[in-house]
Amino acid sequence: MSQLPPIASDQPVLIAGPTASGKSALALEIAAQQGGMIINADAIQVFDNWRVLTARPSLDDEAAAPHRLYGHVPYDAEYSVGHWLREVAPILTNGPRPIIVGGTGLYFTALTQGLADIPATPPELRAHANARVEAEGFQALLAELDPETKARIDTQNPMRVQRAWEVLTATGRALADWQDNTPPPLLPLSDTMPIVFDVPKDWLNARIARRFDLMLDHGALEEAEANLAIYDPTLLSAKAIGAPELIAHLRGEIDLETARERATIATRQFAKRQRTWFRSKMKTWHHHTPADI
């Protein structure tokens, strides 16, 4: 286990890492020892319709320490890093010491480096982009981006590619150009204790497989059934890993074992993208290895 450096009781803490790596447990440990408010930095855990499948903190965990920005957004709402920053800002100034934890690297970057004030995408353009992705794949949008933006975003993440394409199409300015004109950050990295989980692939893959089985044991399939009537693959909340697979099973398209296998593979692929992003963007953070490795 990598030893964490001393953390002052009033120092903001940032905890990033791939899915299933143990971030939430560390946040709770710090909160229990020193106090503080745990703040979500996961783009899908904000939605109210998935608790089990997104591994949101349990009711017992939420009772053990204050938690904010979990499950507070309607399933069909738009939500972006800009929404998140606007919600985080008053918490940082009016709440207890923040312990910000999650797997959405862009949230941490925007928080500590600033976020360009990009206009919202018109609904009709979003619908057009969704239709193109459905018909042609997100790679068709990627091909139309400028080289500078391609060099900055995760080009394997369909959501990030589509967002960059929407910005370019709606504003006539590349995402990279907007980013180059960014206001000061809400929370400079130098004011925090930034921790990123650095874990071996095989250890993480084994945890991912075990965790999805636990999700099924704890009601993930029943949760998917509750979402069946409202499920819309174009919604951001529908991007919860495992949701498309369980919905397909409930619709009779695949058996449960196939859904489990596909969801586990999708989670491993997502974790691989996260690990690559963190190692590229968070080189100066404290790299943490859990005790059970």
C-alpha atoms as a PDB file:
ATOM      1  CA  MET A   1       0.000   0.000   0.000  1.00  0.00           C
ATOM      2  CA  SER A   2       1.266   3.482  -0.825  1.00  0.00           C
ATOM      3  CA  GLN A   3       1.319   5.584   2.324  1.00  0.00           C
ATOM      4  CA  LEU A   4      -0.829   8.675   2.072  1.00  0.00           C
ATOM      5  CA  PRO A   5       0.913  11.899   3.048  1.00  0.00           C
ATOM      6  CA  PRO A   6      -0.448  13.787   6.062  1.00  0.00           C
ATOM      7  CA  ILE A   7      -3.785  15.459   5.345  1.00  0.00           C
ATOM      8  CA  ALA A   8      -4.765  18.556   7.314  1.00  0.00           C
ATOM      9  CA  SER A   9      -8.283  18.397   8.739  1.00  0.00           C
ATOM     10  CA  ASP A  10      -9.283  21.544   6.838  1.00  0.00           C
ATOM     11  CA  GLN A  11      -7.593  20.604   3.543  1.00  0.00           C
ATOM     12  CA  PRO A  12      -9.871  19.786   0.590  1.00  0.00           C
ATOM     13  CA  VAL A  13      -9.321  16.227  -0.618  1.00  0.00           C
ATOM     14  CA  LEU A  14      -9.733  14.994  -4.195  1.00  0.00           C
ATOM     15  CA  ILE A  15     -10.027  11.236  -4.770  1.00  0.00           C
ATOM     16  CA  ALA A  16     -10.077  10.022  -8.376  1.00  0.00           C
ATOM     17  CA  GLY A  17      -9.727   6.546  -9.779  1.00  0.00           C
ATOM     18  CA  PRO A  18     -11.226   3.899 -12.042  1.00  0.00           C
ATOM     19  CA  THR A  19     -14.519   2.220 -11.289  1.00  0.00           C
ATOM     20  CA  ALA A  20     -14.466  -0.442  -8.543  1.00  0.00           C
ATOM     21  CA  SER A  21     -11.062   0.626  -7.208  1.00  0.00           C
ATOM     22  CA  GLY A  22     -12.225   1.565  -3.702  1.00  0.00           C
ATOM     23  CA  LYS A  23     -12.471   5.358  -3.880  1.00  0.00           C
ATOM     24  CA  SER A  24     -15.658   5.656  -1.826  1.00  0.00           C
ATOM     25  CA  ALA A  25     -14.230   3.547   1.003  1.00  0.00           C
ATOM     26  CA  LEU A  26     -11.227   5.850   1.279  1.00  0.00           C
ATOM     27  CA  ALA A  27     -13.480   8.918   1.286  1.00  0.00           C
ATOM     28  CA  LEU A  28     -15.508   7.440   4.151  1.00  0.00           C
ATOM     29  CA  GLU A  29     -12.344   6.572   6.055  1.00  0.00           C
ATOM     30  CA  ILE A  30     -11.057  10.145   5.805  1.00  0.00           C
ATOM     31  CA  ALA A  31     -14.450  11.555   6.757  1.00  0.00           C
ATOM     32  CA  ALA A  32     -14.657   9.250   9.787  1.00  0.00           C
ATOM     33  CA  GLN A  33     -11.162  10.166  10.999  1.00  0.00           C
ATOM     34  CA  GLN A  34     -11.126  13.891  10.259  1.00  0.00           C
ATOM     35  CA  GLY A  35     -14.624  14.974   9.278  1.00  0.00           C
ATOM     36  CA  GLY A  36     -15.741  16.534   6.036  1.00  0.00           C
ATOM     37  CA  MET A  37     -18.455  16.348   3.398  1.00  0.00           C
ATOM     38  CA  ILE A  38     -18.236  13.721   0.643  1.00  0.00           C
ATOM     39  CA  ILE A  39     -19.105  15.234  -2.745  1.00  0.00           C
ATOM     40  CA  ASN A  40     -19.829  13.180  -5.839  1.00  0.00           C
ATOM     41  CA  ALA A  41     -17.664  13.625  -8.936  1.00  0.00           C
ATOM     42  CA  ASP A  42     -19.193  10.865 -11.056  1.00  0.00           C
ATOM     43  CA  ALA A  43     -21.273  11.915 -14.058  1.00  0.00           C
ATOM     44  CA  ILE A  44     -23.822   9.088 -13.790  1.00  0.00           C
ATOM     45  CA  GLN A  45     -24.181   8.853 -10.007  1.00  0.00           C
ATOM     46  CA  VAL A  46     -25.982  12.206 -10.068  1.00  0.00           C
ATOM     47  CA  PHE A  47     -29.119  10.629 -11.547  1.00  0.00           C
ATOM     48  CA  ASP A  48     -31.996   9.493  -9.353  1.00  0.00           C
ATOM     49  CA  ASN A  49     -32.929   6.320 -11.222  1.00  0.00           C
ATOM     50  CA  TRP A  50     -29.789   4.209 -10.697  1.00  0.00           C
ATOM     51  CA  ARG A  51     -28.372   3.501  -7.242  1.00  0.00           C
ATOM     52  CA  VAL A  52     -27.275  -0.130  -7.354  1.00  0.00           C
ATOM     53  CA  LEU A  53     -26.002  -0.167 -10.931  1.00  0.00           C
ATOM     54  CA  THR A  54     -23.895   2.985 -10.536  1.00  0.00           C
ATOM     55  CA  ALA A  55     -22.525   1.887  -7.134  1.00  0.00           C
ATOM     56  CA  ARG A  56     -23.839   4.995  -5.422  1.00  0.00           C
ATOM     57  CA  PRO A  57     -23.104   5.068  -1.680  1.00  0.00           C
ATOM     58  CA  SER A  58     -25.521   2.948   0.324  1.00  0.00           C
ATOM     59  CA  LEU A  59     -28.024   4.431   2.751  1.00  0.00           C
ATOM     60  CA  ASP A  60     -25.752   3.280   5.595  1.00  0.00           C
ATOM     61  CA  ASP A  61     -22.769   5.068   4.030  1.00  0.00           C
ATOM     62  CA  GLU A  62     -24.820   8.225   3.537  1.00  0.00           C
ATOM     63  CA  ALA A  63     -25.796   8.071   7.210  1.00  0.00           C
ATOM     64  CA  ALA A  64     -22.154   7.722   8.287  1.00  0.00           C
ATOM     65  CA  ALA A  65     -21.025  11.025   6.725  1.00  0.00           C
ATOM     66  CA  PRO A  66     -22.623  13.948   4.865  1.00  0.00           C
ATOM     67  CA  HIS A  67     -22.949  13.282   1.129  1.00  0.00           C
ATOM     68  CA  ARG A  68     -23.849  15.741  -1.630  1.00  0.00           C
ATOM     69  CA  LEU A  69     -24.688  15.600  -5.345  1.00  0.00           C
ATOM     70  CA  TYR A  70     -25.702  11.938  -5.380  1.00  0.00           C
ATOM     71  CA  GLY A  71     -28.961  10.867  -7.055  1.00  0.00           C
ATOM     72  CA  HIS A  72     -30.393  14.388  -7.082  1.00  0.00           C
ATOM     73  CA  VAL A  73     -30.984  14.842 -10.838  1.00  0.00           C
ATOM     74  CA  PRO A  74     -34.092  13.514 -12.676  1.00  0.00           C
ATOM     75  CA  TYR A  75     -33.364  10.605 -15.015  1.00  0.00           C
ATOM     76  CA  ASP A  76     -34.322  12.565 -18.146  1.00  0.00           C
ATOM     77  CA  ALA A  77     -32.455  15.794 -17.346  1.00  0.00           C
ATOM     78  CA  GLU A  78     -29.482  17.233 -19.151  1.00  0.00           C
ATOM     79  CA  TYR A  79     -26.387  17.355 -16.967  1.00  0.00           C
ATOM     80  CA  SER A  80     -22.853  18.422 -17.783  1.00  0.00           C
ATOM     81  CA  VAL A  81     -19.606  19.432 -16.145  1.00  0.00           C
ATOM     82  CA  GLY A  82     -20.932  23.010 -16.195  1.00  0.00           C
ATOM     83  CA  HIS A  83     -23.988  21.982 -14.173  1.00  0.00           C
ATOM     84  CA  TRP A  84     -21.726  20.163 -11.733  1.00  0.00           C
ATOM     85  CA  LEU A  85     -19.401  23.131 -11.228  1.00  0.00           C
ATOM     86  CA  ARG A  86     -22.343  25.447 -10.582  1.00  0.00           C
ATOM     87  CA  GLU A  87     -23.638  23.051  -7.929  1.00  0.00           C
ATOM     88  CA  VAL A  88     -20.225  22.499  -6.339  1.00  0.00           C
ATOM     89  CA  ALA A  89     -19.363  26.208  -6.036  1.00  0.00           C
ATOM     90  CA  PRO A  90     -21.654  27.081  -3.084  1.00  0.00           C
ATOM     91  CA  ILE A  91     -20.768  23.840  -1.294  1.00  0.00           C
ATOM     92  CA  LEU A  92     -17.087  24.734  -1.409  1.00  0.00           C
ATOM     93  CA  THR A  93     -17.705  28.130   0.181  1.00  0.00           C
ATOM     94  CA  ASN A  94     -20.478  27.292   2.656  1.00  0.00           C
ATOM     95  CA  GLY A  95     -19.983  23.661   3.648  1.00  0.00           C
ATOM     96  CA  PRO A  96     -17.547  21.558   5.683  1.00  0.00           C
ATOM     97  CA  ARG A  97     -14.165  20.531   4.291  1.00  0.00           C
ATOM     98  CA  PRO A  98     -14.894  18.871   0.912  1.00  0.00           C
ATOM     99  CA  ILE A  99     -13.857  15.318   0.091  1.00  0.00           C
ATOM    100  CA  ILE A 100     -14.576  15.114  -3.630  1.00  0.00           C
ATOM    101  CA  VAL A 101     -14.624  11.567  -4.990  1.00  0.00           C
ATOM    102  CA  GLY A 102     -15.453  10.025  -8.351  1.00  0.00           C
ATOM    103  CA  GLY A 103     -14.312   8.637 -11.650  1.00  0.00           C
ATOM    104  CA  THR A 104     -15.159  11.463 -14.060  1.00  0.00           C
ATOM    105  CA  GLY A 105     -11.769  12.980 -14.767  1.00  0.00           C
ATOM    106  CA  LEU A 106     -13.199  15.976 -16.597  1.00  0.00           C
ATOM    107  CA  TYR A 107     -14.962  17.123 -13.416  1.00  0.00           C
ATOM    108  CA  PHE A 108     -11.650  17.234 -11.541  1.00  0.00           C
ATOM    109  CA  THR A 109      -9.893  19.008 -14.394  1.00  0.00           C
ATOM    110  CA  ALA A 110     -12.624  21.637 -14.635  1.00  0.00           C
ATOM    111  CA  LEU A 111     -12.601  22.109 -10.868  1.00  0.00           C
ATOM    112  CA  THR A 112      -8.842  22.576 -10.548  1.00  0.00           C
ATOM    113  CA  GLN A 113      -7.991  24.157 -13.910  1.00  0.00           C
ATOM    114  CA  GLY A 114     -11.158  26.073 -14.809  1.00  0.00           C
ATOM    115  CA  LEU A 115     -13.883  25.531 -17.392  1.00  0.00           C
ATOM    116  CA  ALA A 116     -14.599  27.512 -20.521  1.00  0.00           C
ATOM    117  CA  ASP A 117     -18.032  29.160 -20.572  1.00  0.00           C
ATOM    118  CA  ILE A 118     -19.366  27.333 -23.635  1.00  0.00           C
ATOM    119  CA  PRO A 119     -22.995  28.003 -24.663  1.00  0.00           C
ATOM    120  CA  ALA A 120     -25.448  25.136 -24.244  1.00  0.00           C
ATOM    121  CA  THR A 121     -26.131  22.922 -27.249  1.00  0.00           C
ATOM    122  CA  PRO A 122     -29.508  23.641 -28.931  1.00  0.00           C
ATOM    123  CA  PRO A 123     -31.879  20.673 -28.486  1.00  0.00           C
ATOM    124  CA  GLU A 124     -32.351  20.240 -32.213  1.00  0.00           C
ATOM    125  CA  LEU A 125     -28.592  19.973 -32.733  1.00  0.00           C
ATOM    126  CA  ARG A 126     -28.338  17.407 -29.931  1.00  0.00           C
ATOM    127  CA  ALA A 127     -31.097  15.383 -31.611  1.00  0.00           C
ATOM    128  CA  HIS A 128     -29.256  15.583 -34.935  1.00  0.00           C
ATOM    129  CA  ALA A 129     -26.019  14.443 -33.295  1.00  0.00           C
ATOM    130  CA  ASN A 130     -27.788  11.543 -31.584  1.00  0.00           C
ATOM    131  CA  ALA A 131     -29.295  10.478 -34.900  1.00  0.00           C
ATOM    132  CA  ARG A 132     -25.925  10.586 -36.647  1.00  0.00           C
ATOM    133  CA  VAL A 133     -24.264   8.539 -33.921  1.00  0.00           C
ATOM    134  CA  GLU A 134     -27.082   5.992 -34.140  1.00  0.00           C
ATOM    135  CA  ALA A 135     -26.766   5.742 -37.931  1.00  0.00           C
ATOM    136  CA  GLU A 136     -23.037   6.236 -38.523  1.00  0.00           C
ATOM    137  CA  GLY A 137     -21.278   5.721 -35.194  1.00  0.00           C
ATOM    138  CA  PHE A 138     -19.507   8.394 -33.153  1.00  0.00           C
ATOM    139  CA  GLN A 139     -16.421   8.022 -35.366  1.00  0.00           C
ATOM    140  CA  ALA A 140     -18.261  10.008 -38.057  1.00  0.00           C
ATOM    141  CA  LEU A 141     -18.364  12.991 -35.702  1.00  0.00           C
ATOM    142  CA  LEU A 142     -14.749  12.417 -34.650  1.00  0.00           C
ATOM    143  CA  ALA A 143     -13.629  12.688 -38.277  1.00  0.00           C
ATOM    144  CA  GLU A 144     -15.020  16.231 -38.440  1.00  0.00           C
ATOM    145  CA  LEU A 145     -13.158  17.567 -35.386  1.00  0.00           C
ATOM    146  CA  ASP A 146     -10.069  19.738 -35.583  1.00  0.00           C
ATOM    147  CA  PRO A 147      -6.656  18.198 -34.777  1.00  0.00           C
ATOM    148  CA  GLU A 148      -6.111  20.286 -31.627  1.00  0.00           C
ATOM    149  CA  THR A 149      -9.390  19.159 -30.070  1.00  0.00           C
ATOM    150  CA  LYS A 150      -8.706  15.535 -31.035  1.00  0.00           C
ATOM    151  CA  ALA A 151      -5.375  15.751 -29.225  1.00  0.00           C
ATOM    152  CA  ARG A 152      -7.055  16.909 -26.008  1.00  0.00           C
ATOM    153  CA  ILE A 153     -10.141  14.750 -25.616  1.00  0.00           C
ATOM    154  CA  ASP A 154     -10.598  11.027 -25.025  1.00  0.00           C
ATOM    155  CA  THR A 155     -11.296  10.023 -28.610  1.00  0.00           C
ATOM    156  CA  GLN A 156     -12.522   6.589 -27.479  1.00  0.00           C
ATOM    157  CA  ASN A 157     -15.304   8.146 -25.385  1.00  0.00           C
ATOM    158  CA  PRO A 158     -18.401   8.680 -27.562  1.00  0.00           C
ATOM    159  CA  MET A 159     -19.878  11.241 -25.143  1.00  0.00           C
ATOM    160  CA  ARG A 160     -16.751  13.422 -25.219  1.00  0.00           C
ATOM    161  CA  VAL A 161     -16.504  13.188 -29.014  1.00  0.00           C
ATOM    162  CA  GLN A 162     -20.151  14.134 -29.465  1.00  0.00           C
ATOM    163  CA  ARG A 163     -19.812  17.045 -27.040  1.00  0.00           C
ATOM    164  CA  ALA A 164     -16.801  18.402 -28.946  1.00  0.00           C
ATOM    165  CA  TRP A 165     -18.659  18.062 -32.253  1.00  0.00           C
ATOM    166  CA  GLU A 166     -21.716  19.841 -30.845  1.00  0.00           C
ATOM    167  CA  VAL A 167     -19.568  22.734 -29.577  1.00  0.00           C
ATOM    168  CA  LEU A 168     -17.851  23.125 -32.941  1.00  0.00           C
ATOM    169  CA  THR A 169     -21.109  22.934 -34.886  1.00  0.00           C
ATOM    170  CA  ALA A 170     -23.127  25.198 -32.578  1.00  0.00           C
ATOM    171  CA  THR A 171     -20.527  27.930 -32.026  1.00  0.00           C
ATOM    172  CA  GLY A 172     -18.239  27.738 -35.035  1.00  0.00           C
ATOM    173  CA  ARG A 173     -15.322  27.525 -32.597  1.00  0.00           C
ATOM    174  CA  ALA A 174     -13.371  24.409 -31.742  1.00  0.00           C
ATOM    175  CA  LEU A 175     -13.568  23.052 -28.195  1.00  0.00           C
ATOM    176  CA  ALA A 176      -9.801  23.549 -27.898  1.00  0.00           C
ATOM    177  CA  ASP A 177     -10.236  27.234 -28.728  1.00  0.00           C
ATOM    178  CA  TRP A 178     -12.861  27.624 -25.996  1.00  0.00           C
ATOM    179  CA  GLN A 179     -10.594  25.836 -23.547  1.00  0.00           C
ATOM    180  CA  ASP A 180      -7.739  28.217 -24.306  1.00  0.00           C
ATOM    181  CA  ASN A 181      -9.913  31.052 -22.991  1.00  0.00           C
ATOM    182  CA  THR A 182     -10.738  29.581 -19.598  1.00  0.00           C
ATOM    183  CA  PRO A 183     -11.506  31.501 -16.373  1.00  0.00           C
ATOM    184  CA  PRO A 184      -9.650  30.756 -13.095  1.00  0.00           C
ATOM    185  CA  PRO A 185     -10.480  27.463 -11.334  1.00  0.00           C
ATOM    186  CA  LEU A 186     -12.863  27.167  -8.385  1.00  0.00           C
ATOM    187  CA  LEU A 187     -10.325  25.093  -6.458  1.00  0.00           C
ATOM    188  CA  PRO A 188      -6.664  25.255  -7.530  1.00  0.00           C
ATOM    189  CA  LEU A 189      -4.917  21.903  -7.320  1.00  0.00           C
ATOM    190  CA  SER A 190      -2.235  23.402  -5.059  1.00  0.00           C
ATOM    191  CA  ASP A 191      -4.867  24.013  -2.366  1.00  0.00           C
ATOM    192  CA  THR A 192      -5.874  20.345  -2.194  1.00  0.00           C
ATOM    193  CA  MET A 193      -4.655  16.865  -1.359  1.00  0.00           C
ATOM    194  CA  PRO A 194      -5.120  15.194  -4.772  1.00  0.00           C
ATOM    195  CA  ILE A 195      -5.195  11.381  -4.661  1.00  0.00           C
ATOM    196  CA  VAL A 196      -5.576   9.113  -7.678  1.00  0.00           C
ATOM    197  CA  PHE A 197      -5.921   5.333  -7.383  1.00  0.00           C
ATOM    198  CA  ASP A 198      -3.184   3.567  -9.333  1.00  0.00           C
ATOM    199  CA  VAL A 199      -4.088  -0.123  -9.468  1.00  0.00           C
ATOM    200  CA  PRO A 200      -3.007  -3.163 -11.524  1.00  0.00           C
ATOM    201  CA  LYS A 201      -5.288  -4.217 -14.356  1.00  0.00           C
ATOM    202  CA  ASP A 202      -5.727  -7.836 -13.225  1.00  0.00           C
ATOM    203  CA  TRP A 203      -6.601  -6.823  -9.640  1.00  0.00           C
ATOM    204  CA  LEU A 204      -9.157  -4.324 -10.913  1.00  0.00           C
ATOM    205  CA  ASN A 205     -10.710  -6.720 -13.440  1.00  0.00           C
ATOM    206  CA  ALA A 206     -11.277  -9.299 -10.706  1.00  0.00           C
ATOM    207  CA  ARG A 207     -12.980  -6.677  -8.526  1.00  0.00           C
ATOM    208  CA  ILE A 208     -15.151  -5.562 -11.451  1.00  0.00           C
ATOM    209  CA  ALA A 209     -16.410  -9.123 -12.008  1.00  0.00           C
ATOM    210  CA  ARG A 210     -17.135  -9.617  -8.314  1.00  0.00           C
ATOM    211  CA  ARG A 211     -18.849  -6.262  -8.007  1.00  0.00           C
ATOM    212  CA  PHE A 212     -21.271  -6.837 -10.876  1.00  0.00           C
ATOM    213  CA  ASP A 213     -22.286 -10.143  -9.300  1.00  0.00           C
ATOM    214  CA  LEU A 214     -22.856  -8.276  -6.037  1.00  0.00           C
ATOM    215  CA  MET A 215     -24.940  -5.705  -7.888  1.00  0.00           C
ATOM    216  CA  LEU A 216     -27.168  -8.483  -9.201  1.00  0.00           C
ATOM    217  CA  ASP A 217     -27.432  -9.900  -5.683  1.00  0.00           C
ATOM    218  CA  HIS A 218     -28.411  -6.472  -4.344  1.00  0.00           C
ATOM    219  CA  GLY A 219     -31.165  -5.758  -6.848  1.00  0.00           C
ATOM    220  CA  ALA A 220     -29.599  -4.416 -10.067  1.00  0.00           C
ATOM    221  CA  LEU A 221     -31.996  -6.457 -12.211  1.00  0.00           C
ATOM    222  CA  GLU A 222     -34.997  -5.232 -10.244  1.00  0.00           C
ATOM    223  CA  GLU A 223     -33.682  -1.700 -10.599  1.00  0.00           C
ATOM    224  CA  ALA A 224     -33.443  -2.161 -14.368  1.00  0.00           C
ATOM    225  CA  GLU A 225     -36.994  -3.501 -14.393  1.00  0.00           C
ATOM    226  CA  ALA A 226     -38.149  -0.326 -12.642  1.00  0.00           C
ATOM    227  CA  ASN A 227     -36.463   1.661 -15.441  1.00  0.00           C
ATOM    228  CA  LEU A 228     -37.743  -0.474 -18.309  1.00  0.00           C
ATOM    229  CA  ALA A 229     -40.728   1.697 -19.221  1.00  0.00           C
ATOM    230  CA  ILE A 230     -38.738   4.957 -19.183  1.00  0.00           C
ATOM    231  CA  TYR A 231     -35.465   3.696 -20.648  1.00  0.00           C
ATOM    232  CA  ASP A 232     -34.239   5.847 -23.525  1.00  0.00           C
ATOM    233  CA  PRO A 233     -30.732   5.086 -24.855  1.00  0.00           C
ATOM    234  CA  THR A 234     -30.236   8.730 -25.902  1.00  0.00           C
ATOM    235  CA  LEU A 235     -30.426   9.969 -22.290  1.00  0.00           C
ATOM    236  CA  LEU A 236     -27.228  10.493 -20.321  1.00  0.00           C
ATOM    237  CA  SER A 237     -28.626   8.452 -17.426  1.00  0.00           C
ATOM    238  CA  ALA A 238     -28.949   5.486 -19.793  1.00  0.00           C
ATOM    239  CA  LYS A 239     -25.154   5.417 -20.092  1.00  0.00           C
ATOM    240  CA  ALA A 240     -24.952   3.650 -16.721  1.00  0.00           C
ATOM    241  CA  ILE A 241     -22.714   0.671 -17.429  1.00  0.00           C
ATOM    242  CA  GLY A 242     -24.783  -2.498 -17.349  1.00  0.00           C
ATOM    243  CA  ALA A 243     -28.044  -0.703 -18.073  1.00  0.00           C
ATOM    244  CA  PRO A 244     -28.224  -1.500 -21.827  1.00  0.00           C
ATOM    245  CA  GLU A 245     -27.350  -5.133 -21.137  1.00  0.00           C
ATOM    246  CA  LEU A 246     -29.911  -5.644 -18.365  1.00  0.00           C
ATOM    247  CA  ILE A 247     -32.594  -3.822 -20.346  1.00  0.00           C
ATOM    248  CA  ALA A 248     -31.857  -6.097 -23.323  1.00  0.00           C
ATOM    249  CA  HIS A 249     -32.262  -9.111 -21.052  1.00  0.00           C
ATOM    250  CA  LEU A 250     -35.579  -7.854 -19.700  1.00  0.00           C
ATOM    251  CA  ARG A 251     -36.787  -7.345 -23.263  1.00  0.00           C
ATOM    252  CA  GLY A 252     -36.015 -10.981 -24.021  1.00  0.00           C
ATOM    253  CA  GLU A 253     -33.146 -10.203 -26.389  1.00  0.00           C
ATOM    254  CA  ILE A 254     -30.362 -11.960 -24.415  1.00  0.00           C
ATOM    255  CA  ASP A 255     -30.188 -14.271 -21.411  1.00  0.00           C
ATOM    256  CA  LEU A 256     -29.000 -13.058 -18.019  1.00  0.00           C
ATOM    257  CA  GLU A 257     -25.584 -14.723 -18.226  1.00  0.00           C
ATOM    258  CA  THR A 258     -24.902 -12.995 -21.559  1.00  0.00           C
ATOM    259  CA  ALA A 259     -26.006  -9.673 -20.058  1.00  0.00           C
ATOM    260  CA  ARG A 260     -23.659 -10.244 -17.123  1.00  0.00           C
ATOM    261  CA  GLU A 261     -20.721 -11.074 -19.398  1.00  0.00           C
ATOM    262  CA  ARG A 262     -21.317  -8.084 -21.674  1.00  0.00           C
ATOM    263  CA  ALA A 263     -21.732  -5.681 -18.750  1.00  0.00           C
ATOM    264  CA  THR A 264     -18.527  -6.943 -17.141  1.00  0.00           C
ATOM    265  CA  ILE A 265     -16.623  -6.503 -20.410  1.00  0.00           C
ATOM    266  CA  ALA A 266     -18.057  -2.997 -20.861  1.00  0.00           C
ATOM    267  CA  THR A 267     -16.986  -2.102 -17.319  1.00  0.00           C
ATOM    268  CA  ARG A 268     -13.451  -3.375 -17.928  1.00  0.00           C
ATOM    269  CA  GLN A 269     -13.228  -1.339 -21.132  1.00  0.00           C
ATOM    270  CA  PHE A 270     -14.472   1.762 -19.317  1.00  0.00           C
ATOM    271  CA  ALA A 271     -11.962   1.255 -16.490  1.00  0.00           C
ATOM    272  CA  LYS A 272      -9.157   0.917 -19.026  1.00  0.00           C
ATOM    273  CA  ARG A 273     -10.083   4.281 -20.549  1.00  0.00           C
ATOM    274  CA  GLN A 274     -10.223   5.821 -17.078  1.00  0.00           C
ATOM    275  CA  ARG A 275      -6.801   4.479 -16.095  1.00  0.00           C
ATOM    276  CA  THR A 276      -5.279   5.777 -19.327  1.00  0.00           C
ATOM    277  CA  TRP A 277      -6.838   9.213 -18.792  1.00  0.00           C
ATOM    278  CA  PHE A 278      -5.747   9.473 -15.154  1.00  0.00           C
ATOM    279  CA  ARG A 279      -2.182   8.469 -15.911  1.00  0.00           C
ATOM    280  CA  SER A 280      -2.032  11.065 -18.671  1.00  0.00           C
ATOM    281  CA  LYS A 281      -3.750  13.959 -16.896  1.00  0.00           C
ATOM    282  CA  MET A 282      -2.944  13.359 -13.200  1.00  0.00           C
ATOM    283  CA  LYS A 283       0.793  12.751 -13.204  1.00  0.00           C
ATOM    284  CA  THR A 284       1.355  15.253 -10.385  1.00  0.00           C
ATOM    285  CA  TRP A 285      -1.331  13.749  -8.109  1.00  0.00           C
ATOM    286  CA  HIS A 286      -0.447  11.405  -5.249  1.00  0.00           C
ATOM    287  CA  HIS A 287      -0.735   7.905  -6.709  1.00  0.00           C
ATOM    288  CA  HIS A 288      -2.369   5.581  -4.210  1.00  0.00           C
ATOM    289  CA  THR A 289      -2.413   1.781  -4.115  1.00  0.00           C
ATOM    290  CA  PRO A 290      -4.959   0.084  -1.799  1.00  0.00           C
ATOM    291  CA  ALA A 291      -3.810  -2.158   1.046  1.00  0.00           C
ATOM    292  CA  ASP A 292      -5.181  -5.418  -0.411  1.00  0.00           C
ATOM    293  CA  ILE A 293      -2.906  -5.438  -3.458  1.00  0.00           C
END
